[in-house]
Amino acid sequence: APLLVLLAVFLAFPVAAQNTDIEALSGLQFSFGNPG
């Protein structure tokens, strides 16, 4: 089944989210160290 399992859901209403699972955000590392 060569299904396009990564296709987005077409929902025409707002969603309350902190983030999404767009591939570019996978494994993204944040660092909030002190300046200087």
PDB file of all heavy atoms in Angstrom:
ATOM      1  N   ALA A   1       0.841  -1.202   0.000  1.00  0.00           N
ATOM      2  CA  ALA A   1       0.000   0.000   0.000  1.00  0.00           C
ATOM      3  C   ALA A   1       0.872   1.247   0.000  1.00  0.00           C
ATOM      4  O   ALA A   1       1.260   1.725   1.062  1.00  0.00           O
ATOM      5  CB  ALA A   1      -0.925  -0.005   1.211  1.00  0.00           C
ATOM      6  N   PRO A   2       1.194   1.776  -1.177  1.00  0.00           N
ATOM      7  CA  PRO A   2       2.015   2.998  -1.222  1.00  0.00           C
ATOM      8  C   PRO A   2       1.176   4.237  -0.875  1.00  0.00           C
ATOM      9  O   PRO A   2       1.034   5.165  -1.653  1.00  0.00           O
ATOM     10  CB  PRO A   2       2.495   3.034  -2.665  1.00  0.00           C
ATOM     11  CG  PRO A   2       1.412   2.364  -3.428  1.00  0.00           C
ATOM     12  CD  PRO A   2       0.844   1.313  -2.521  1.00  0.00           C
ATOM     13  N   LEU A   3       0.578   4.199   0.321  1.00  0.00           N
ATOM     14  CA  LEU A   3      -0.315   5.274   0.724  1.00  0.00           C
ATOM     15  C   LEU A   3       0.479   6.514   1.109  1.00  0.00           C
ATOM     16  O   LEU A   3       1.573   6.427   1.644  1.00  0.00           O
ATOM     17  CB  LEU A   3      -1.170   4.822   1.910  1.00  0.00           C
ATOM     18  CG  LEU A   3      -2.067   3.601   1.655  1.00  0.00           C
ATOM     19  CD1 LEU A   3      -2.846   3.274   2.921  1.00  0.00           C
ATOM     20  CD2 LEU A   3      -3.014   3.862   0.497  1.00  0.00           C
ATOM     21  N   LEU A   4      -0.105   7.654   0.847  1.00  0.00           N
ATOM     22  CA  LEU A   4       0.530   8.915   1.220  1.00  0.00           C
ATOM     23  C   LEU A   4       0.208   9.198   2.682  1.00  0.00           C
ATOM     24  O   LEU A   4      -0.581  10.071   3.020  1.00  0.00           O
ATOM     25  CB  LEU A   4       0.047  10.037   0.308  1.00  0.00           C
ATOM     26  CG  LEU A   4       0.213   9.777  -1.188  1.00  0.00           C
ATOM     27  CD1 LEU A   4      -0.189  11.026  -1.961  1.00  0.00           C
ATOM     28  CD2 LEU A   4       1.634   9.381  -1.524  1.00  0.00           C
ATOM     29  N   VAL A   5       0.831   8.439   3.573  1.00  0.00           N
ATOM     30  CA  VAL A   5       0.473   8.534   4.983  1.00  0.00           C
ATOM     31  C   VAL A   5       0.930   9.834   5.603  1.00  0.00           C
ATOM     32  O   VAL A   5       0.631  10.111   6.758  1.00  0.00           O
ATOM     33  CB  VAL A   5       1.072   7.349   5.766  1.00  0.00           C
ATOM     34  CG1 VAL A   5       0.505   6.053   5.253  1.00  0.00           C
ATOM     35  CG2 VAL A   5       2.595   7.347   5.673  1.00  0.00           C
ATOM     36  N   LEU A   6       1.659  10.658   4.862  1.00  0.00           N
ATOM     37  CA  LEU A   6       2.107  11.931   5.411  1.00  0.00           C
ATOM     38  C   LEU A   6       1.241  13.100   4.970  1.00  0.00           C
ATOM     39  O   LEU A   6       1.554  14.242   5.251  1.00  0.00           O
ATOM     40  CB  LEU A   6       3.563  12.201   5.004  1.00  0.00           C
ATOM     41  CG  LEU A   6       4.558  11.153   5.457  1.00  0.00           C
ATOM     42  CD1 LEU A   6       5.953  11.579   5.039  1.00  0.00           C
ATOM     43  CD2 LEU A   6       4.493  10.964   6.945  1.00  0.00           C
ATOM     44  N   LEU A   7       0.153  12.831   4.265  1.00  0.00           N
ATOM     45  CA  LEU A   7      -0.694  13.931   3.812  1.00  0.00           C
ATOM     46  C   LEU A   7      -1.386  14.583   4.992  1.00  0.00           C
ATOM     47  O   LEU A   7      -1.798  13.932   5.949  1.00  0.00           O
ATOM     48  CB  LEU A   7      -1.753  13.407   2.820  1.00  0.00           C
ATOM     49  CG  LEU A   7      -1.216  12.867   1.493  1.00  0.00           C
ATOM     50  CD1 LEU A   7      -2.377  12.527   0.583  1.00  0.00           C
ATOM     51  CD2 LEU A   7      -0.305  13.879   0.830  1.00  0.00           C
ATOM     52  N   ALA A   8      -1.534  15.908   4.935  1.00  0.00           N
ATOM     53  CA  ALA A   8      -2.185  16.635   6.023  1.00  0.00           C
ATOM     54  C   ALA A   8      -3.692  16.469   5.939  1.00  0.00           C
ATOM     55  O   ALA A   8      -4.264  16.244   4.875  1.00  0.00           O
ATOM     56  CB  ALA A   8      -1.832  18.112   5.938  1.00  0.00           C
ATOM     57  N   VAL A   9      -4.330  16.575   7.090  1.00  0.00           N
ATOM     58  CA  VAL A   9      -5.788  16.553   7.149  1.00  0.00           C
ATOM     59  C   VAL A   9      -6.317  17.919   6.724  1.00  0.00           C
ATOM     60  O   VAL A   9      -5.839  18.943   7.180  1.00  0.00           O
ATOM     61  CB  VAL A   9      -6.245  16.266   8.599  1.00  0.00           C
ATOM     62  CG1 VAL A   9      -7.752  16.119   8.651  1.00  0.00           C
ATOM     63  CG2 VAL A   9      -5.578  15.005   9.119  1.00  0.00           C
ATOM     64  N   PHE A  10      -7.291  17.936   5.851  1.00  0.00           N
ATOM     65  CA  PHE A  10      -7.863  19.196   5.398  1.00  0.00           C
ATOM     66  C   PHE A  10      -9.040  19.565   6.299  1.00  0.00           C
ATOM     67  O   PHE A  10     -10.174  19.166   6.073  1.00  0.00           O
ATOM     68  CB  PHE A  10      -8.326  19.085   3.936  1.00  0.00           C
ATOM     69  CG  PHE A  10      -7.189  18.959   2.978  1.00  0.00           C
ATOM     70  CD1 PHE A  10      -6.985  17.797   2.270  1.00  0.00           C
ATOM     71  CD2 PHE A  10      -6.288  20.006   2.826  1.00  0.00           C
ATOM     72  CE1 PHE A  10      -5.916  17.693   1.396  1.00  0.00           C
ATOM     73  CE2 PHE A  10      -5.221  19.895   1.958  1.00  0.00           C
ATOM     74  CZ  PHE A  10      -5.033  18.735   1.242  1.00  0.00           C
ATOM     75  N   LEU A  11      -8.745  20.329   7.345  1.00  0.00           N
ATOM     76  CA  LEU A  11      -9.761  20.764   8.290  1.00  0.00           C
ATOM     77  C   LEU A  11      -9.829  22.283   8.243  1.00  0.00           C
ATOM     78  O   LEU A  11      -8.847  22.956   8.517  1.00  0.00           O
ATOM     79  CB  LEU A  11      -9.409  20.309   9.713  1.00  0.00           C
ATOM     80  CG  LEU A  11      -9.301  18.788   9.917  1.00  0.00           C
ATOM     81  CD1 LEU A  11      -8.852  18.515  11.342  1.00  0.00           C
ATOM     82  CD2 LEU A  11     -10.618  18.104   9.637  1.00  0.00           C
ATOM     83  N   ALA A  12     -10.977  22.801   7.928  1.00  0.00           N
ATOM     84  CA  ALA A  12     -11.097  24.257   7.759  1.00  0.00           C
ATOM     85  C   ALA A  12     -11.555  24.924   9.046  1.00  0.00           C
ATOM     86  O   ALA A  12     -12.469  25.730   9.068  1.00  0.00           O
ATOM     87  CB  ALA A  12     -12.078  24.559   6.633  1.00  0.00           C
ATOM     88  N   PHE A  13     -10.934  24.558  10.187  1.00  0.00           N
ATOM     89  CA  PHE A  13     -11.224  25.251  11.436  1.00  0.00           C
ATOM     90  C   PHE A  13      -9.936  25.347  12.233  1.00  0.00           C
ATOM     91  O   PHE A  13      -9.019  24.563  12.047  1.00  0.00           O
ATOM     92  CB  PHE A  13     -12.312  24.527  12.232  1.00  0.00           C
ATOM     93  CG  PHE A  13     -11.989  23.104  12.579  1.00  0.00           C
ATOM     94  CD1 PHE A  13     -11.244  22.792  13.723  1.00  0.00           C
ATOM     95  CD2 PHE A  13     -12.418  22.054  11.770  1.00  0.00           C
ATOM     96  CE1 PHE A  13     -10.958  21.492  14.047  1.00  0.00           C
ATOM     97  CE2 PHE A  13     -12.115  20.744  12.100  1.00  0.00           C
ATOM     98  CZ  PHE A  13     -11.400  20.455  13.232  1.00  0.00           C
ATOM     99  N   PRO A  14      -9.836  26.320  13.149  1.00  0.00           N
ATOM    100  CA  PRO A  14      -8.601  26.526  13.888  1.00  0.00           C
ATOM    101  C   PRO A  14      -8.303  25.363  14.812  1.00  0.00           C
ATOM    102  O   PRO A  14      -9.206  24.682  15.298  1.00  0.00           O
ATOM    103  CB  PRO A  14      -8.867  27.806  14.693  1.00  0.00           C
ATOM    104  CG  PRO A  14     -10.003  28.470  14.009  1.00  0.00           C
ATOM    105  CD  PRO A  14     -10.833  27.354  13.441  1.00  0.00           C
ATOM    106  N   VAL A  15      -7.020  25.142  15.081  1.00  0.00           N
ATOM    107  CA  VAL A  15      -6.588  24.158  16.060  1.00  0.00           C
ATOM    108  C   VAL A  15      -5.745  24.874  17.094  1.00  0.00           C
ATOM    109  O   VAL A  15      -4.994  25.788  16.786  1.00  0.00           O
ATOM    110  CB  VAL A  15      -5.774  23.023  15.399  1.00  0.00           C
ATOM    111  CG1 VAL A  15      -6.661  22.204  14.495  1.00  0.00           C
ATOM    112  CG2 VAL A  15      -4.598  23.572  14.608  1.00  0.00           C
ATOM    113  N   ALA A  16      -5.889  24.475  18.353  1.00  0.00           N
ATOM    114  CA  ALA A  16      -5.117  25.076  19.444  1.00  0.00           C
ATOM    115  C   ALA A  16      -3.949  24.153  19.745  1.00  0.00           C
ATOM    116  O   ALA A  16      -4.122  23.144  20.411  1.00  0.00           O
ATOM    117  CB  ALA A  16      -5.995  25.254  20.668  1.00  0.00           C
ATOM    118  N   ALA A  17      -2.785  24.482  19.225  1.00  0.00           N
ATOM    119  CA  ALA A  17      -1.643  23.583  19.358  1.00  0.00           C
ATOM    120  C   ALA A  17      -0.411  24.357  19.746  1.00  0.00           C
ATOM    121  O   ALA A  17      -0.318  25.561  19.533  1.00  0.00           O
ATOM    122  CB  ALA A  17      -1.391  22.838  18.044  1.00  0.00           C
ATOM    123  N   GLN A  18       0.544  23.658  20.356  1.00  0.00           N
ATOM    124  CA  GLN A  18       1.832  24.241  20.644  1.00  0.00           C
ATOM    125  C   GLN A  18       2.788  24.056  19.480  1.00  0.00           C
ATOM    126  O   GLN A  18       3.761  24.765  19.379  1.00  0.00           O
ATOM    127  CB  GLN A  18       2.422  23.586  21.890  1.00  0.00           C
ATOM    128  CG  GLN A  18       1.659  23.884  23.159  1.00  0.00           C
ATOM    129  CD  GLN A  18       1.553  25.336  23.427  1.00  0.00           C
ATOM    130  OE1 GLN A  18       0.470  25.895  23.392  1.00  0.00           O
ATOM    131  NE2 GLN A  18       2.647  25.986  23.677  1.00  0.00           N
ATOM    132  N   ASN A  19       2.553  23.097  18.646  1.00  0.00           N
ATOM    133  CA  ASN A  19       3.461  22.784  17.560  1.00  0.00           C
ATOM    134  C   ASN A  19       2.751  21.836  16.616  1.00  0.00           C
ATOM    135  O   ASN A  19       1.642  21.384  16.884  1.00  0.00           O
ATOM    136  CB  ASN A  19       4.745  22.144  18.103  1.00  0.00           C
ATOM    137  CG  ASN A  19       5.965  22.582  17.316  1.00  0.00           C
ATOM    138  OD1 ASN A  19       5.875  22.828  16.125  1.00  0.00           O
ATOM    139  ND2 ASN A  19       7.082  22.690  17.988  1.00  0.00           N
ATOM    140  N   THR A  20       3.372  21.518  15.493  1.00  0.00           N
ATOM    141  CA  THR A  20       2.832  20.529  14.579  1.00  0.00           C
ATOM    142  C   THR A  20       3.923  19.543  14.236  1.00  0.00           C
ATOM    143  O   THR A  20       5.093  19.720  14.581  1.00  0.00           O
ATOM    144  CB  THR A  20       2.322  21.183  13.276  1.00  0.00           C
ATOM    145  OG1 THR A  20       3.441  21.727  12.572  1.00  0.00           O
ATOM    146  CG2 THR A  20       1.336  22.286  13.570  1.00  0.00           C
ATOM    147  N   ASP A  21       3.545  18.473  13.549  1.00  0.00           N
ATOM    148  CA  ASP A  21       4.515  17.438  13.211  1.00  0.00           C
ATOM    149  C   ASP A  21       5.038  17.588  11.780  1.00  0.00           C
ATOM    150  O   ASP A  21       5.315  16.599  11.117  1.00  0.00           O
ATOM    151  CB  ASP A  21       3.915  16.051  13.423  1.00  0.00           C
ATOM    152  CG  ASP A  21       2.624  15.847  12.651  1.00  0.00           C
ATOM    153  OD1 ASP A  21       2.143  16.819  12.035  1.00  0.00           O
ATOM    154  OD2 ASP A  21       2.094  14.734  12.656  1.00  0.00           O
ATOM    155  N   ILE A  22       5.168  18.821  11.304  1.00  0.00           N
ATOM    156  CA  ILE A  22       5.880  19.032  10.043  1.00  0.00           C
ATOM    157  C   ILE A  22       7.292  18.465  10.179  1.00  0.00           C
ATOM    158  O   ILE A  22       7.959  18.685  11.189  1.00  0.00           O
ATOM    159  CB  ILE A  22       5.898  20.533   9.686  1.00  0.00           C
ATOM    160  CG1 ILE A  22       4.485  20.978   9.269  1.00  0.00           C
ATOM    161  CG2 ILE A  22       6.884  20.825   8.570  1.00  0.00           C
ATOM    162  CD1 ILE A  22       4.382  22.448   8.968  1.00  0.00           C
ATOM    163  N   GLU A  23       7.735  17.750   9.164  1.00  0.00           N
ATOM    164  CA  GLU A  23       8.975  16.988   9.290  1.00  0.00           C
ATOM    165  C   GLU A  23      10.177  17.823   9.711  1.00  0.00           C
ATOM    166  O   GLU A  23      11.059  17.346  10.426  1.00  0.00           O
ATOM    167  CB  GLU A  23       9.282  16.280   7.959  1.00  0.00           C
ATOM    168  CG  GLU A  23       8.397  15.087   7.654  1.00  0.00           C
ATOM    169  CD  GLU A  23       7.076  15.461   6.999  1.00  0.00           C
ATOM    170  OE1 GLU A  23       6.647  16.632   7.120  1.00  0.00           O
ATOM    171  OE2 GLU A  23       6.449  14.594   6.390  1.00  0.00           O
ATOM    172  N   ALA A  24      10.236  19.082   9.282  1.00  0.00           N
ATOM    173  CA  ALA A  24      11.385  19.927   9.605  1.00  0.00           C
ATOM    174  C   ALA A  24      11.556  20.115  11.098  1.00  0.00           C
ATOM    175  O   ALA A  24      12.661  20.411  11.567  1.00  0.00           O
ATOM    176  CB  ALA A  24      11.240  21.289   8.926  1.00  0.00           C
ATOM    177  N   LEU A  25      10.478  19.930  11.890  1.00  0.00           N
ATOM    178  CA  LEU A  25      10.560  20.147  13.332  1.00  0.00           C
ATOM    179  C   LEU A  25      10.961  18.895  14.086  1.00  0.00           C
ATOM    180  O   LEU A  25      11.191  18.943  15.299  1.00  0.00           O
ATOM    181  CB  LEU A  25       9.213  20.658  13.857  1.00  0.00           C
ATOM    182  CG  LEU A  25       8.724  21.962  13.207  1.00  0.00           C
ATOM    183  CD1 LEU A  25       7.346  22.332  13.732  1.00  0.00           C
ATOM    184  CD2 LEU A  25       9.710  23.088  13.459  1.00  0.00           C
ATOM    185  N   SER A  26      11.058  17.763  13.399  1.00  0.00           N
ATOM    186  CA  SER A  26      11.472  16.532  14.059  1.00  0.00           C
ATOM    187  C   SER A  26      12.943  16.600  14.432  1.00  0.00           C
ATOM    188  O   SER A  26      13.797  16.957  13.627  1.00  0.00           O
ATOM    189  CB  SER A  26      11.239  15.333  13.133  1.00  0.00           C
ATOM    190  OG  SER A  26      11.747  14.148  13.703  1.00  0.00           O
ATOM    191  N   GLY A  27      13.242  16.249  15.672  1.00  0.00           N
ATOM    192  CA  GLY A  27      14.628  16.249  16.122  1.00  0.00           C
ATOM    193  C   GLY A  27      15.208  17.619  16.338  1.00  0.00           C
ATOM    194  O   GLY A  27      16.408  17.752  16.603  1.00  0.00           O
ATOM    195  N   LEU A  28      14.390  18.658  16.258  1.00  0.00           N
ATOM    196  CA  LEU A  28      14.884  20.020  16.422  1.00  0.00           C
ATOM    197  C   LEU A  28      15.285  20.240  17.874  1.00  0.00           C
ATOM    198  O   LEU A  28      14.508  20.000  18.790  1.00  0.00           O
ATOM    199  CB  LEU A  28      13.805  21.012  16.015  1.00  0.00           C
ATOM    200  CG  LEU A  28      14.223  22.463  15.840  1.00  0.00           C
ATOM    201  CD1 LEU A  28      15.262  22.613  14.752  1.00  0.00           C
ATOM    202  CD2 LEU A  28      12.997  23.314  15.509  1.00  0.00           C
ATOM    203  N   GLN A  29      16.512  20.696  18.092  1.00  0.00           N
ATOM    204  CA  GLN A  29      17.041  20.898  19.433  1.00  0.00           C
ATOM    205  C   GLN A  29      17.105  22.383  19.760  1.00  0.00           C
ATOM    206  O   GLN A  29      17.691  23.162  19.020  1.00  0.00           O
ATOM    207  CB  GLN A  29      18.440  20.288  19.544  1.00  0.00           C
ATOM    208  CG  GLN A  29      18.471  18.779  19.350  1.00  0.00           C
ATOM    209  CD  GLN A  29      17.786  18.043  20.490  1.00  0.00           C
ATOM    210  OE1 GLN A  29      18.175  18.161  21.638  1.00  0.00           O
ATOM    211  NE2 GLN A  29      16.764  17.283  20.156  1.00  0.00           N
ATOM    212  N   PHE A  30      16.487  22.757  20.878  1.00  0.00           N
ATOM    213  CA  PHE A  30      16.561  24.122  21.358  1.00  0.00           C
ATOM    214  C   PHE A  30      17.546  24.205  22.505  1.00  0.00           C
ATOM    215  O   PHE A  30      17.624  23.315  23.341  1.00  0.00           O
ATOM    216  CB  PHE A  30      15.187  24.610  21.839  1.00  0.00           C
ATOM    217  CG  PHE A  30      14.175  24.753  20.754  1.00  0.00           C
ATOM    218  CD1 PHE A  30      13.253  23.746  20.507  1.00  0.00           C
ATOM    219  CD2 PHE A  30      14.142  25.878  19.961  1.00  0.00           C
ATOM    220  CE1 PHE A  30      12.315  23.874  19.504  1.00  0.00           C
ATOM    221  CE2 PHE A  30      13.207  26.015  18.951  1.00  0.00           C
ATOM    222  CZ  PHE A  30      12.291  25.018  18.721  1.00  0.00           C
ATOM    223  N   SER A  31      18.288  25.297  22.552  1.00  0.00           N
ATOM    224  CA  SER A  31      19.191  25.543  23.659  1.00  0.00           C
ATOM    225  C   SER A  31      19.019  26.994  24.085  1.00  0.00           C
ATOM    226  O   SER A  31      19.044  27.898  23.257  1.00  0.00           O
ATOM    227  CB  SER A  31      20.650  25.292  23.259  1.00  0.00           C
ATOM    228  OG  SER A  31      21.530  25.579  24.323  1.00  0.00           O
ATOM    229  N   PHE A  32      18.821  27.199  25.383  1.00  0.00           N
ATOM    230  CA  PHE A  32      18.548  28.538  25.898  1.00  0.00           C
ATOM    231  C   PHE A  32      19.612  28.929  26.916  1.00  0.00           C
ATOM    232  O   PHE A  32      19.320  29.369  28.021  1.00  0.00           O
ATOM    233  CB  PHE A  32      17.155  28.585  26.520  1.00  0.00           C
ATOM    234  CG  PHE A  32      16.066  28.216  25.551  1.00  0.00           C
ATOM    235  CD1 PHE A  32      15.525  26.946  25.537  1.00  0.00           C
ATOM    236  CD2 PHE A  32      15.608  29.131  24.628  1.00  0.00           C
ATOM    237  CE1 PHE A  32      14.534  26.599  24.638  1.00  0.00           C
ATOM    238  CE2 PHE A  32      14.613  28.795  23.720  1.00  0.00           C
ATOM    239  CZ  PHE A  32      14.077  27.525  23.727  1.00  0.00           C
ATOM    240  N   GLY A  33      20.882  28.737  26.552  1.00  0.00           N
ATOM    241  CA  GLY A  33      21.976  29.040  27.451  1.00  0.00           C
ATOM    242  C   GLY A  33      22.155  30.527  27.672  1.00  0.00           C
ATOM    243  O   GLY A  33      21.601  31.376  26.969  1.00  0.00           O
ATOM    244  N   ASN A  34      22.959  30.851  28.692  1.00  0.00           N
ATOM    245  CA  ASN A  34      23.234  32.245  29.016  1.00  0.00           C
ATOM    246  C   ASN A  34      24.083  32.900  27.933  1.00  0.00           C
ATOM    247  O   ASN A  34      24.895  32.245  27.283  1.00  0.00           O
ATOM    248  CB  ASN A  34      23.957  32.336  30.358  1.00  0.00           C
ATOM    249  CG  ASN A  34      23.100  31.870  31.502  1.00  0.00           C
ATOM    250  OD1 ASN A  34      21.913  32.154  31.546  1.00  0.00           O
ATOM    251  ND2 ASN A  34      23.697  31.137  32.444  1.00  0.00           N
ATOM    252  N   PRO A  35      23.936  34.215  27.739  1.00  0.00           N
ATOM    253  CA  PRO A  35      24.770  34.908  26.754  1.00  0.00           C
ATOM    254  C   PRO A  35      26.176  35.130  27.290  1.00  0.00           C
ATOM    255  O   PRO A  35      26.454  34.984  28.480  1.00  0.00           O
ATOM    256  CB  PRO A  35      24.040  36.241  26.574  1.00  0.00           C
ATOM    257  CG  PRO A  35      23.346  36.479  27.879  1.00  0.00           C
ATOM    258  CD  PRO A  35      22.951  35.113  28.369  1.00  0.00           C
ATOM    259  N   GLY A  36      27.078  35.513  26.390  1.00  0.00           N
ATOM    260  CA  GLY A  36      28.437  35.876  26.780  1.00  0.00           C
ATOM    261  C   GLY A  36      29.428  34.746  26.615  1.00  0.00           C
ATOM    262  O   GLY A  36      29.175  33.610  27.017  1.00  0.00           O
TER     263      GLY A  36
END
